C-alpha atoms as a PDB file:
ATOM      1  CA  UNK A   1      81.260 136.754 123.841  1.00  0.00           C
ATOM      2  CA  UNK A   2      83.889 137.269 121.151  1.00  0.00           C
ATOM      3  CA  UNK A   3      85.413 133.851 121.853  1.00  0.00           C
ATOM      4  CA  UNK A   4      81.995 132.160 121.512  1.00  0.00           C
ATOM      5  CA  UNK A   5      81.373 133.942 118.214  1.00  0.00           C
ATOM      6  CA  UNK A   6      84.794 132.871 116.951  1.00  0.00           C
ATOM      7  CA  UNK A   7      83.982 129.260 117.876  1.00  0.00           C
ATOM      8  CA  UNK A   8      80.749 129.458 115.875  1.00  0.00           C
ATOM      9  CA  UNK A   9      82.580 130.938 112.889  1.00  0.00           C
ATOM     10  CA  UNK A  10      85.243 128.198 113.049  1.00  0.00           C
ATOM     11  CA  UNK A  11      82.715 125.342 113.436  1.00  0.00           C
ATOM     12  CA  UNK A  12      82.300 124.624 109.673  1.00  0.00           C
ATOM     13  CA  UNK A  13      86.077 124.677 109.194  1.00  0.00           C
ATOM     14  CA  UNK A  14      86.581 122.250 112.065  1.00  0.00           C
ATOM     15  CA  UNK A  15      83.779 119.993 110.773  1.00  0.00           C
ATOM     16  CA  UNK A  16      85.592 119.814 107.430  1.00  0.00           C
ATOM     17  CA  UNK A  17      88.854 119.073 109.227  1.00  0.00           C
ATOM     18  CA  UNK A  18      87.142 116.235 111.127  1.00  0.00           C
ATOM     19  CA  UNK A  19      85.776 114.705 107.899  1.00  0.00           C
ATOM     20  CA  UNK A  20      89.164 114.872 106.166  1.00  0.00           C
ATOM     21  CA  UNK A  21      90.903 113.432 109.240  1.00  0.00           C
ATOM     22  CA  UNK A  22      88.509 110.466 109.328  1.00  0.00           C
ATOM     23  CA  UNK A  23      89.082 109.912 105.596  1.00  0.00           C
ATOM     24  CA  UNK A  24      92.859 110.014 106.109  1.00  0.00           C
ATOM     25  CA  UNK A  25      92.712 107.459 108.931  1.00  0.00           C
ATOM     26  CA  UNK A  26      90.168 105.026 107.472  1.00  0.00           C
ATOM     27  CA  UNK A  27      90.025 105.270 103.673  1.00  0.00           C
ATOM     28  CA  UNK A  28      93.363 106.673 102.531  1.00  0.00           C
ATOM     29  CA  UNK A  29      95.453 103.729 103.837  1.00  0.00           C
ATOM     30  CA  UNK A  30      93.406 101.361 101.659  1.00  0.00           C
ATOM     31  CA  UNK A  31      94.707 103.068  98.498  1.00  0.00           C
ATOM     32  CA  UNK A  32      98.348 103.145  99.496  1.00  0.00           C
ATOM     33  CA  UNK A  33     100.830 105.683  98.178  1.00  0.00           C
ATOM     34  CA  UNK A  34      99.296 106.557  94.794  1.00  0.00           C
ATOM     35  CA  UNK A  35      99.311 110.369  94.824  1.00  0.00           C
ATOM     36  CA  UNK A  36     101.553 111.994  92.211  1.00  0.00           C
ATOM     37  CA  UNK A  37     102.166 115.039  94.377  1.00  0.00           C
ATOM     38  CA  UNK A  38     103.754 115.810  97.711  1.00  0.00           C
ATOM     39  CA  UNK A  39     102.042 116.292 100.106  1.00  0.00           C
ATOM     40  CA  UNK A  40      99.362 113.738  99.301  1.00  0.00           C
ATOM     41  CA  UNK A  41      95.980 115.046  98.158  1.00  0.00           C
ATOM     42  CA  UNK A  42      94.355 114.325 101.524  1.00  0.00           C
ATOM     43  CA  UNK A  43      97.183 116.047 103.423  1.00  0.00           C
ATOM     44  CA  UNK A  44      96.926 118.986 101.008  1.00  0.00           C
ATOM     45  CA  UNK A  45      93.158 119.152 101.546  1.00  0.00           C
ATOM     46  CA  UNK A  46      93.548 119.067 105.317  1.00  0.00           C
ATOM     47  CA  UNK A  47      96.130 121.845 105.306  1.00  0.00           C
ATOM     48  CA  UNK A  48      94.128 123.919 102.808  1.00  0.00           C
ATOM     49  CA  UNK A  49      90.996 123.792 104.988  1.00  0.00           C
ATOM     50  CA  UNK A  50      93.035 124.543 108.118  1.00  0.00           C
ATOM     51  CA  UNK A  51      94.728 127.490 106.438  1.00  0.00           C
ATOM     52  CA  UNK A  52      91.975 128.994 104.262  1.00  0.00           C
ATOM     53  CA  UNK A  53      88.660 127.758 105.664  1.00  0.00           C
ATOM     54  CA  UNK A  54      86.061 125.347 104.350  1.00  0.00           C
ATOM     55  CA  UNK A  55      85.062 127.188 101.150  1.00  0.00           C
ATOM     56  CA  UNK A  56      88.388 128.389  99.776  1.00  0.00           C
ATOM     57  CA  UNK A  57      90.328 125.448 101.226  1.00  0.00           C
ATOM     58  CA  UNK A  58      87.752 123.014  99.857  1.00  0.00           C
ATOM     59  CA  UNK A  59      88.041 124.640  96.421  1.00  0.00           C
ATOM     60  CA  UNK A  60      91.846 124.398  96.554  1.00  0.00           C
ATOM     61  CA  UNK A  61      91.584 120.726  97.555  1.00  0.00           C
ATOM     62  CA  UNK A  62      89.063 119.960  94.792  1.00  0.00           C
ATOM     63  CA  UNK A  63      91.312 121.623  92.198  1.00  0.00           C
ATOM     64  CA  UNK A  64      94.263 119.592  93.487  1.00  0.00           C
ATOM     65  CA  UNK A  65      92.317 116.306  93.200  1.00  0.00           C
ATOM     66  CA  UNK A  66      91.339 117.234  89.623  1.00  0.00           C
ATOM     67  CA  UNK A  67      95.016 117.758  88.760  1.00  0.00           C
ATOM     68  CA  UNK A  68      96.118 114.453  90.318  1.00  0.00           C
ATOM     69  CA  UNK A  69      95.842 111.716  87.696  1.00  0.00           C
ATOM     70  CA  UNK A  70      98.167 109.030  86.264  1.00  0.00           C
ATOM     71  CA  UNK A  71      99.469 111.366  83.518  1.00  0.00           C
ATOM     72  CA  UNK A  72     100.180 114.288  85.838  1.00  0.00           C
ATOM     73  CA  UNK A  73     103.793 115.345  86.162  1.00  0.00           C
ATOM     74  CA  UNK A  74     103.457 115.518  89.950  1.00  0.00           C
ATOM     75  CA  UNK A  75     106.030 117.048  92.253  1.00  0.00           C
ATOM     76  CA  UNK A  76     105.894 119.289  95.290  1.00  0.00           C
ATOM     77  CA  UNK A  77     102.697 121.331  95.511  1.00  0.00           C
ATOM     78  CA  UNK A  78     102.314 123.199  98.779  1.00  0.00           C
ATOM     79  CA  UNK A  79      99.178 125.002  99.928  1.00  0.00           C
ATOM     80  CA  UNK A  80      99.425 128.755  99.269  1.00  0.00           C
ATOM     81  CA  UNK A  81     100.165 130.527 102.540  1.00  0.00           C
ATOM     82  CA  UNK A  82      97.938 133.218 104.007  1.00  0.00           C
ATOM     83  CA  UNK A  83      99.440 136.632 104.514  1.00  0.00           C
ATOM     84  CA  UNK A  84      98.373 136.821 108.152  1.00  0.00           C
ATOM     85  CA  UNK A  85      97.867 133.871 110.482  1.00  0.00           C
ATOM     86  CA  UNK A  86      94.571 134.493 112.287  1.00  0.00           C
ATOM     87  CA  UNK A  87      94.161 131.216 114.152  1.00  0.00           C
ATOM     88  CA  UNK A  88      96.296 128.530 115.713  1.00  0.00           C
ATOM     89  CA  UNK A  89      96.101 124.767 115.262  1.00  0.00           C
ATOM     90  CA  UNK A  90      95.595 122.349 118.114  1.00  0.00           C
ATOM     91  CA  UNK A  91      97.531 119.122 118.536  1.00  0.00           C
ATOM     92  CA  UNK A  92      94.676 117.273 116.785  1.00  0.00           C
ATOM     93  CA  UNK A  93      94.667 119.686 113.838  1.00  0.00           C
ATOM     94  CA  UNK A  94      91.569 121.695 114.702  1.00  0.00           C
ATOM     95  CA  UNK A  95      91.628 125.477 114.372  1.00  0.00           C
ATOM     96  CA  UNK A  96      90.966 127.691 117.402  1.00  0.00           C
ATOM     97  CA  UNK A  97      91.192 131.377 118.249  1.00  0.00           C
ATOM     98  CA  UNK A  98      94.657 132.514 119.287  1.00  0.00           C
ATOM     99  CA  UNK A  99      95.318 132.442 123.007  1.00  0.00           C
ATOM    100  CA  UNK A 100      96.654 135.599 124.561  1.00  0.00           C
ATOM    101  CA  UNK A 101      97.520 133.966 127.861  1.00  0.00           C
ATOM    102  CA  UNK A 102      94.303 135.055 129.534  1.00  0.00           C
ATOM    103  CA  UNK A 103      92.249 132.579 131.506  1.00  0.00           C
END
C-alpha cells in the first residue's frame, strides 16, 4: 500500500521528468550549445525536478532560464542539494521509492 501511495506521489515529478527528457532529445539539439551556464539549462531543469520535485524544481529551473541570457556572466551553477536523499533515480532518470532489497 505504501509503495502504491509513493508511486502516486511521484507521478507528477516523473511526468515533468518525461517532458524535460523529450525536450532535451528533440528540441535542445536544434539550438546547439548556447547556454551560458554549466550544466545546460535543460540539464539543470531535469536535475532540479529529480532532486526537488515538480514545484520547487520547476521554480528553480524557471529562475535559471530567466538568468540565462547573452549578457549573463555564466559559469558553473549546480542544483542545490537536498539534505536527505529520499528517492533513487532509475537508469532512465525517473524517480522511484528506495528499494530495501525486499521482493
